[in-house]
N, C-alpha and C. Protein backbone atom coordinates (compact mmCIF):
# COMPACT_ATOMS: atom_id res chain seq x y z
N UNK A 1 -38.61 -90.26 -55.20
CA UNK A 1 -39.56 -91.30 -54.78
C UNK A 1 -40.21 -91.29 -55.92
N UNK A 2 -40.81 -92.70 -56.71
CA UNK A 2 -41.81 -92.60 -57.74
C UNK A 2 -43.21 -93.79 -57.54
N UNK A 3 -44.28 -92.87 -58.47
CA UNK A 3 -45.41 -93.42 -58.21
C UNK A 3 -45.57 -94.85 -58.68
N UNK A 4 -46.47 -96.07 -58.39
CA UNK A 4 -46.31 -96.85 -58.44
C UNK A 4 -47.41 -97.02 -60.07
N UNK A 5 -46.64 -97.54 -61.44
CA UNK A 5 -47.45 -96.97 -62.45
C UNK A 5 -48.45 -98.39 -62.73
N UNK A 6 -49.61 -97.73 -62.96
CA UNK A 6 -50.72 -99.20 -62.92
C UNK A 6 -50.42 -100.00 -64.47
N UNK A 7 -50.76 -100.54 -64.95
CA UNK A 7 -50.56 -101.55 -65.87
C UNK A 7 -51.92 -101.16 -66.99
N UNK A 8 -51.76 -100.95 -68.26
CA UNK A 8 -53.24 -101.01 -69.06
C UNK A 8 -53.51 -102.80 -68.85
N UNK A 9 -55.11 -102.55 -69.01
CA UNK A 9 -55.63 -103.50 -69.31
C UNK A 9 -55.22 -104.06 -70.77
N UNK A 10 -55.58 -105.30 -70.07
CA UNK A 10 -55.59 -106.19 -71.99
C UNK A 10 -56.62 -106.84 -72.32
N UNK A 11 -58.03 -106.55 -71.62
CA UNK A 11 -59.17 -107.00 -71.64
C UNK A 11 -60.01 -105.75 -71.50
N UNK A 12 -60.82 -105.56 -71.92
CA UNK A 12 -61.85 -104.50 -70.71
C UNK A 12 -62.10 -102.98 -71.62
N UNK A 13 -62.46 -102.50 -70.44
CA UNK A 13 -62.14 -100.63 -70.43
C UNK A 13 -61.35 -99.95 -69.11
N UNK A 14 -61.35 -99.54 -69.31
CA UNK A 14 -60.93 -98.51 -68.13
C UNK A 14 -61.00 -97.06 -68.30
N UNK A 15 -61.35 -96.91 -66.65
CA UNK A 15 -61.24 -95.02 -66.79
C UNK A 15 -59.66 -94.61 -66.43
N UNK A 16 -59.62 -93.17 -67.62
CA UNK A 16 -58.23 -92.65 -67.01
C UNK A 16 -58.77 -91.09 -66.59
N UNK A 17 -58.29 -90.82 -65.44
CA UNK A 17 -58.69 -89.59 -64.82
C UNK A 17 -57.57 -89.16 -64.67
N UNK A 18 -57.38 -87.96 -65.41
CA UNK A 18 -55.65 -86.87 -65.58
C UNK A 18 -55.03 -87.87 -65.73
N UNK A 19 -55.06 -88.92 -66.54
CA UNK A 19 -53.55 -89.51 -67.09
C UNK A 19 -53.77 -90.58 -66.26
N UNK A 20 -54.33 -90.97 -65.33
CA UNK A 20 -54.07 -91.94 -64.15
C UNK A 20 -55.07 -92.72 -64.21
N UNK A 21 -54.92 -94.19 -64.66
CA UNK A 21 -55.37 -95.56 -64.44
C UNK A 21 -56.15 -95.37 -62.95
N UNK A 22 -57.75 -95.28 -63.88
CA UNK A 22 -58.48 -95.14 -61.90
C UNK A 22 -59.38 -96.63 -61.93
N UNK A 23 -59.85 -97.38 -62.91
CA UNK A 23 -60.89 -98.22 -62.59
C UNK A 23 -61.28 -98.97 -64.32
N UNK A 24 -61.74 -100.53 -63.96
CA UNK A 24 -61.84 -100.82 -65.25
C UNK A 24 -62.87 -101.49 -64.71
N UNK A 25 -63.51 -101.93 -65.93
CA UNK A 25 -65.16 -102.30 -66.65
C UNK A 25 -64.91 -103.24 -67.51
N UNK A 26 -65.47 -104.42 -67.52
CA UNK A 26 -65.98 -105.30 -68.48
C UNK A 26 -66.41 -105.28 -69.85
N UNK A 27 -68.13 -104.05 -69.55
CA UNK A 27 -68.03 -103.49 -70.73
C UNK A 27 -68.39 -102.09 -71.17
N UNK A 28 -68.33 -101.53 -72.15
CA UNK A 28 -67.88 -100.26 -72.77
C UNK A 28 -69.36 -99.27 -72.31
N UNK A 29 -70.61 -100.05 -71.94
CA UNK A 29 -71.42 -99.50 -71.25
C UNK A 29 -71.51 -98.92 -69.55
N UNK A 30 -70.96 -99.79 -68.73
CA UNK A 30 -70.22 -99.42 -67.50
C UNK A 30 -69.19 -98.45 -67.66
N UNK A 31 -67.70 -98.72 -68.52
CA UNK A 31 -67.19 -97.58 -68.44
C UNK A 31 -67.73 -96.42 -68.75
N UNK A 32 -68.86 -96.48 -69.28
CA UNK A 32 -69.47 -95.09 -70.35
C UNK A 32 -70.39 -94.27 -68.93
N UNK A 33 -70.54 -95.13 -68.50
CA UNK A 33 -71.70 -94.71 -67.18
C UNK A 33 -70.83 -93.99 -66.01
N UNK A 34 -69.88 -95.10 -65.75
CA UNK A 34 -69.14 -94.41 -64.50
C UNK A 34 -68.01 -93.14 -65.02
N UNK A 35 -68.00 -93.27 -66.28
CA UNK A 35 -66.95 -91.99 -66.54
C UNK A 35 -68.05 -90.63 -66.69
N UNK A 36 -69.61 -90.90 -67.30
CA UNK A 36 -70.71 -89.97 -67.43
C UNK A 36 -70.67 -89.66 -65.62
N UNK A 37 -70.70 -90.30 -64.62
CA UNK A 37 -70.92 -89.98 -63.13
C UNK A 37 -70.32 -89.20 -62.89
N UNK A 38 -68.48 -89.91 -62.67
CA UNK A 38 -67.86 -89.27 -62.45
C UNK A 38 -67.11 -87.29 -62.70
N UNK A 39 -67.44 -87.25 -64.11
CA UNK A 39 -67.85 -86.47 -64.90
C UNK A 39 -68.27 -85.35 -64.63
N UNK A 40 -69.86 -85.79 -63.92
CA UNK A 40 -71.08 -84.79 -63.52
C UNK A 40 -70.35 -84.49 -62.21
N UNK A 41 -69.86 -85.24 -61.85
CA UNK A 41 -69.64 -84.61 -59.94
C UNK A 41 -68.41 -83.66 -60.07
N UNK A 42 -67.41 -84.22 -61.24
CA UNK A 42 -66.20 -83.11 -61.24
C UNK A 42 -65.77 -83.11 -62.64
N UNK A 43 -66.36 -81.85 -63.22
CA UNK A 43 -66.40 -81.58 -64.34
C UNK A 43 -65.21 -81.25 -65.05
N UNK A 44 -64.63 -80.81 -64.22
CA UNK A 44 -63.08 -80.28 -64.34
C UNK A 44 -62.05 -81.02 -64.42
N UNK A 45 -62.07 -81.71 -64.36
CA UNK A 45 -61.25 -83.50 -64.29
C UNK A 45 -61.15 -83.78 -66.04
N UNK A 46 -60.34 -84.36 -66.60
CA UNK A 46 -60.11 -84.97 -67.94
C UNK A 46 -60.28 -86.43 -67.78
N UNK A 47 -61.92 -86.74 -68.05
CA UNK A 47 -62.30 -88.45 -68.05
C UNK A 47 -62.19 -88.78 -69.38
N UNK A 48 -61.07 -90.25 -69.69
CA UNK A 48 -60.87 -90.83 -70.64
C UNK A 48 -61.59 -92.44 -70.00
N UNK A 49 -61.59 -92.77 -71.67
CA UNK A 49 -62.50 -94.16 -71.42
C UNK A 49 -60.90 -95.22 -72.29
N UNK A 50 -60.33 -96.18 -71.88
CA UNK A 50 -59.33 -96.82 -72.29
C UNK A 50 -60.07 -97.86 -72.75
N UNK A 51 -59.65 -98.73 -74.58
CA UNK A 51 -60.57 -99.62 -74.68
C UNK A 51 -59.51 -100.57 -75.06
N UNK A 52 -58.88 -101.88 -73.93
CA UNK A 52 -57.87 -102.43 -74.43
C UNK A 52 -57.99 -102.93 -75.51
N UNK A 53 -58.69 -103.57 -76.08
CA UNK A 53 -58.80 -104.24 -77.58
C UNK A 53 -58.33 -103.25 -78.74
N UNK A 54 -59.00 -102.18 -78.77
CA UNK A 54 -58.12 -101.14 -80.21
C UNK A 54 -57.07 -100.71 -79.68
N UNK A 55 -57.01 -100.56 -78.00
CA UNK A 55 -56.01 -99.67 -77.53
C UNK A 55 -56.14 -98.27 -78.01
N UNK A 56 -57.06 -97.80 -77.65
CA UNK A 56 -57.84 -96.50 -78.18
C UNK A 56 -58.38 -95.51 -76.99
N UNK A 57 -58.10 -94.29 -76.73
CA UNK A 57 -58.77 -93.74 -75.84
C UNK A 57 -60.48 -92.76 -76.23
N UNK A 58 -61.21 -92.53 -75.60
CA UNK A 58 -62.25 -91.87 -76.32
C UNK A 58 -62.46 -90.60 -75.03
N UNK A 59 -62.64 -89.49 -74.86
CA UNK A 59 -62.52 -88.17 -74.52
C UNK A 59 -63.80 -88.35 -74.04
N UNK A 60 -64.65 -88.53 -72.97
CA UNK A 60 -65.92 -88.07 -72.41
C UNK A 60 -66.09 -86.55 -71.83
N UNK A 61 -67.36 -86.48 -72.55
CA UNK A 61 -67.23 -85.16 -72.00
C UNK A 61 -68.57 -84.51 -71.75
N UNK A 62 -69.14 -83.69 -70.70
CA UNK A 62 -70.59 -83.48 -70.51
C UNK A 62 -71.44 -82.59 -71.53
N UNK A 63 -72.53 -82.94 -72.08
CA UNK A 63 -73.81 -82.98 -73.05
C UNK A 63 -73.59 -81.66 -72.39
N UNK A 64 -73.91 -80.07 -73.61
CA UNK A 64 -73.88 -78.81 -73.30
C UNK A 64 -75.38 -78.93 -73.26
N UNK A 65 -75.90 -77.68 -72.51
CA UNK A 65 -77.38 -77.86 -71.64
C UNK A 65 -78.13 -76.79 -72.65
């Protein structure tokens, strides 16, 4: 059985959690807020923001206390 692959968005931003696309956002501010909230609740997850315009990913990490 093969899982359905999510296609990369062609515009905006997407949250990538442990290598899988989970949510799409129109703005980077919204994507960053969503990613930081998710990372605070589940710090063990690998969370990245995918930028559709530049086709790059940015790792999201919690600030050191």
